[in-house]
Amino acid sequence: MGIKSLFGLGSKADRKGVERGFLVFENTSEVIRAERVLRESGRRVRVMGPPPEIRTGCDLVVEFALMDGLDVLRELEAAGVAPLDLVPVESPLLKPVDMYQVKDFGAQLMVRAANMKITVDKSSLEIVNVSGGGCPDVPFLAGELAGRRLGDAPRPRDIGHTLCGYALDLAFEEIKRLCL
């Protein structure tokens, strides 16, 4: 179902209980731009792994409040970042893939987002390891982060340029939330 057809088909009763929707994009850069545009406008959005039923090649979708759908589309269109599709979440099968996995090793805490991992020493808050991914900027990101205290390290999204950098930024923000 395309974006235009979503709002033209069915009545409100047909969509009863649908509270969330996913914005599907062609590539990761567009997901990142859309997330930034929507957050800057004050919207509560979340980047997730798409359920297998709606995967199009990009490994991320933006989840948002479906009742804001028309306004969200207008904001994105004005910013020049239109999604390929808008999918209402009306089935438990369309559950997004949780982006975070947390592993507590006692003295260290690791957070994984997608295929990127960041590990922090819990007592010193020093980043002891960055791993995962296959993007060309992963060694650079690891070199910039490892050995720094969590509060002093740069955000990976500010120095990386790939899906791995974006996923690492998600893990970085989550581990900061858990540790700081």
Protein backbone atom coordinates (compact mmCIF):
# COMPACT_ATOMS: atom_id res chain seq x y z
CA MET A 1 0.00 0.00 0.00
CA GLY A 2 1.44 3.39 -0.98
CA ILE A 3 1.35 6.56 1.07
CA LYS A 4 -1.54 8.12 -0.80
CA SER A 5 -3.65 4.99 -0.57
CA LEU A 6 -3.17 4.71 3.18
CA PHE A 7 -5.28 7.75 3.87
CA GLY A 8 -7.83 7.08 1.13
CA LEU A 9 -8.74 3.48 1.93
CA GLY A 10 -11.10 2.33 4.63
CA SER A 11 -12.85 4.13 7.43
CA LYS A 12 -11.60 4.96 10.89
CA ALA A 13 -13.32 1.81 12.08
CA ASP A 14 -11.23 -0.21 9.63
CA ARG A 15 -8.09 1.19 11.22
CA LYS A 16 -9.35 0.99 14.81
CA GLY A 17 -6.56 0.14 17.21
CA VAL A 18 -3.82 1.26 14.83
CA GLU A 19 -1.70 3.61 16.86
CA ARG A 20 1.73 3.45 15.26
CA GLY A 21 3.11 3.52 11.78
CA PHE A 22 6.42 2.99 10.06
CA LEU A 23 8.00 5.25 7.49
CA VAL A 24 9.96 3.20 4.98
CA PHE A 25 12.85 4.84 3.13
CA GLU A 26 15.12 3.92 0.27
CA ASN A 27 18.35 4.27 2.23
CA THR A 28 19.83 4.92 5.65
CA SER A 29 20.75 8.53 4.89
CA GLU A 30 17.08 9.32 4.36
CA VAL A 31 16.14 7.60 7.64
CA ILE A 32 18.69 9.72 9.49
CA ARG A 33 17.46 12.93 7.83
CA ALA A 34 13.81 12.07 8.52
CA GLU A 35 14.53 11.29 12.17
CA ARG A 36 16.35 14.61 12.58
CA VAL A 37 13.57 16.61 10.87
CA LEU A 38 10.84 14.99 12.94
CA ARG A 39 12.69 15.28 16.26
CA GLU A 40 13.51 18.93 15.57
CA SER A 41 9.79 19.56 15.07
CA GLY A 42 9.12 18.04 18.50
CA ARG A 43 7.78 14.67 17.37
CA ARG A 44 8.46 11.51 19.34
CA VAL A 45 9.87 9.08 16.83
CA ARG A 46 12.00 5.98 17.11
CA VAL A 47 14.34 4.35 14.62
CA MET A 48 13.82 0.60 14.54
CA GLY A 49 14.78 -2.42 12.54
CA PRO A 50 11.92 -3.13 10.13
CA PRO A 51 9.87 -6.29 10.43
CA PRO A 52 10.75 -8.77 7.65
CA GLU A 53 7.38 -8.21 5.94
CA ILE A 54 8.24 -4.63 4.99
CA ARG A 55 12.00 -4.78 4.44
CA THR A 56 13.00 -3.02 1.23
CA GLY A 57 16.74 -2.97 1.42
CA CYS A 58 17.17 -0.28 4.07
CA ASP A 59 17.62 -1.91 7.46
CA LEU A 60 15.85 0.87 9.36
CA VAL A 61 12.38 2.41 9.60
CA VAL A 62 11.06 5.40 11.53
CA GLU A 63 8.24 4.58 13.92
CA PHE A 64 5.80 7.40 14.72
CA ALA A 65 2.29 8.09 16.05
CA LEU A 66 0.00 7.22 13.17
CA MET A 67 -2.55 9.87 14.08
CA ASP A 68 0.11 12.44 13.11
CA GLY A 69 0.58 10.83 9.68
CA LEU A 70 -0.51 13.70 7.46
CA ASP A 71 1.47 16.28 9.42
CA VAL A 72 4.53 14.02 9.43
CA LEU A 73 4.33 13.57 5.66
CA ARG A 74 3.96 17.33 5.13
CA GLU A 75 7.01 18.04 7.31
CA LEU A 76 9.10 15.47 5.50
CA GLU A 77 7.97 16.68 2.08
CA ALA A 78 8.87 20.27 3.02
CA ALA A 79 12.32 19.02 4.10
CA GLY A 80 12.77 17.11 0.82
CA VAL A 81 12.86 13.65 2.37
CA ALA A 82 9.78 11.72 1.32
CA PRO A 83 9.39 8.09 2.42
CA LEU A 84 8.81 5.25 -0.02
CA ASP A 85 5.87 4.07 2.03
CA LEU A 86 3.95 4.58 5.24
CA VAL A 87 2.82 1.34 6.84
CA PRO A 88 0.26 1.25 9.66
CA VAL A 89 1.08 -1.25 12.38
CA GLU A 90 -2.11 -3.22 12.68
CA SER A 91 -0.80 -6.72 13.13
CA PRO A 92 1.35 -8.27 15.85
CA LEU A 93 3.39 -9.79 13.01
CA LEU A 94 4.54 -6.32 12.06
CA LYS A 95 6.47 -5.95 15.28
CA PRO A 96 9.69 -4.00 14.82
CA VAL A 97 12.99 -5.61 15.63
CA ASP A 98 14.36 -4.34 18.94
CA MET A 99 17.50 -2.39 18.18
CA TYR A 100 19.18 -2.87 21.56
CA GLN A 101 20.68 -5.82 23.34
CA VAL A 102 22.36 -5.21 26.68
CA LYS A 103 24.87 -7.58 28.24
CA ASP A 104 26.20 -7.05 31.76
CA PHE A 105 29.61 -8.64 32.27
CA GLY A 106 29.89 -7.53 35.90
CA ALA A 107 32.65 -4.94 35.63
CA GLN A 108 31.66 -4.00 32.07
CA LEU A 109 28.44 -3.26 30.24
CA MET A 110 27.96 -3.84 26.52
CA VAL A 111 25.18 -2.44 24.36
CA ARG A 112 24.54 -3.73 20.87
CA ALA A 113 22.48 -1.82 18.31
CA ALA A 114 22.01 -3.61 15.02
CA ASN A 115 25.48 -5.09 14.41
CA MET A 116 27.52 -2.51 16.34
CA LYS A 117 28.67 -2.97 19.93
CA ILE A 118 30.13 -0.62 22.52
CA THR A 119 31.50 -1.79 25.86
CA VAL A 120 32.13 0.44 28.87
CA ASP A 121 33.93 -0.19 32.16
CA LYS A 122 31.19 0.51 34.71
CA SER A 123 33.47 1.94 37.42
CA SER A 124 35.54 4.34 35.29
CA LEU A 125 32.99 4.83 32.45
CA GLU A 126 35.84 4.34 30.00
CA ILE A 127 34.94 2.93 26.60
CA VAL A 128 36.96 -0.27 26.44
CA ASN A 129 35.78 -1.68 23.11
CA VAL A 130 33.92 -0.81 19.92
CA SER A 131 33.25 -3.63 17.48
CA GLY A 132 30.99 -4.98 14.79
CA GLY A 133 29.84 -3.89 11.39
CA GLY A 134 31.62 -4.01 8.11
CA CYS A 135 31.58 -0.38 7.11
CA PRO A 136 34.83 1.38 6.23
CA ASP A 137 34.59 3.88 9.09
CA VAL A 138 34.36 1.30 11.93
CA PRO A 139 38.15 1.23 12.63
CA PHE A 140 38.19 5.03 12.68
CA LEU A 141 35.20 5.17 15.04
CA ALA A 142 36.77 2.58 17.34
CA GLY A 143 40.00 4.56 17.42
CA GLU A 144 38.18 7.78 18.27
CA LEU A 145 36.07 6.25 21.06
CA ALA A 146 38.13 3.53 22.76
CA GLY A 147 40.04 4.76 25.79
CA ARG A 148 37.83 7.82 26.32
CA ARG A 149 35.40 8.35 29.14
CA LEU A 150 31.79 8.02 28.04
CA GLY A 151 30.95 11.64 28.83
CA ASP A 152 33.98 12.95 26.90
CA ALA A 153 33.69 10.90 23.73
CA PRO A 154 32.28 12.39 20.52
CA ARG A 155 28.94 11.12 19.25
CA PRO A 156 29.55 8.53 16.52
CA ARG A 157 26.93 10.16 14.29
CA ASP A 158 28.99 13.37 14.34
CA ILE A 159 32.16 11.68 13.08
CA GLY A 160 30.86 8.61 11.17
CA HIS A 161 29.14 8.51 7.80
CA THR A 162 27.68 5.03 7.39
CA LEU A 163 24.95 2.73 8.68
CA CYS A 164 27.51 1.29 11.11
CA GLY A 165 28.25 4.78 12.45
CA TYR A 166 24.55 5.42 12.88
CA ALA A 167 23.98 2.08 14.64
CA LEU A 168 26.99 2.77 16.87
CA ASP A 169 25.48 6.14 17.75
CA LEU A 170 22.27 4.41 18.83
CA ALA A 171 24.29 2.03 21.04
CA PHE A 172 26.35 4.97 22.36
CA GLU A 173 23.25 6.94 23.36
CA GLU A 174 21.70 3.87 25.01
CA ILE A 175 24.81 3.05 27.02
CA LYS A 176 25.01 6.70 28.12
CA ARG A 177 21.40 6.52 29.22
CA LEU A 178 22.15 3.37 31.23
CA CYS A 179 25.44 4.54 32.78
CA LEU A 180 25.23 8.28 33.27
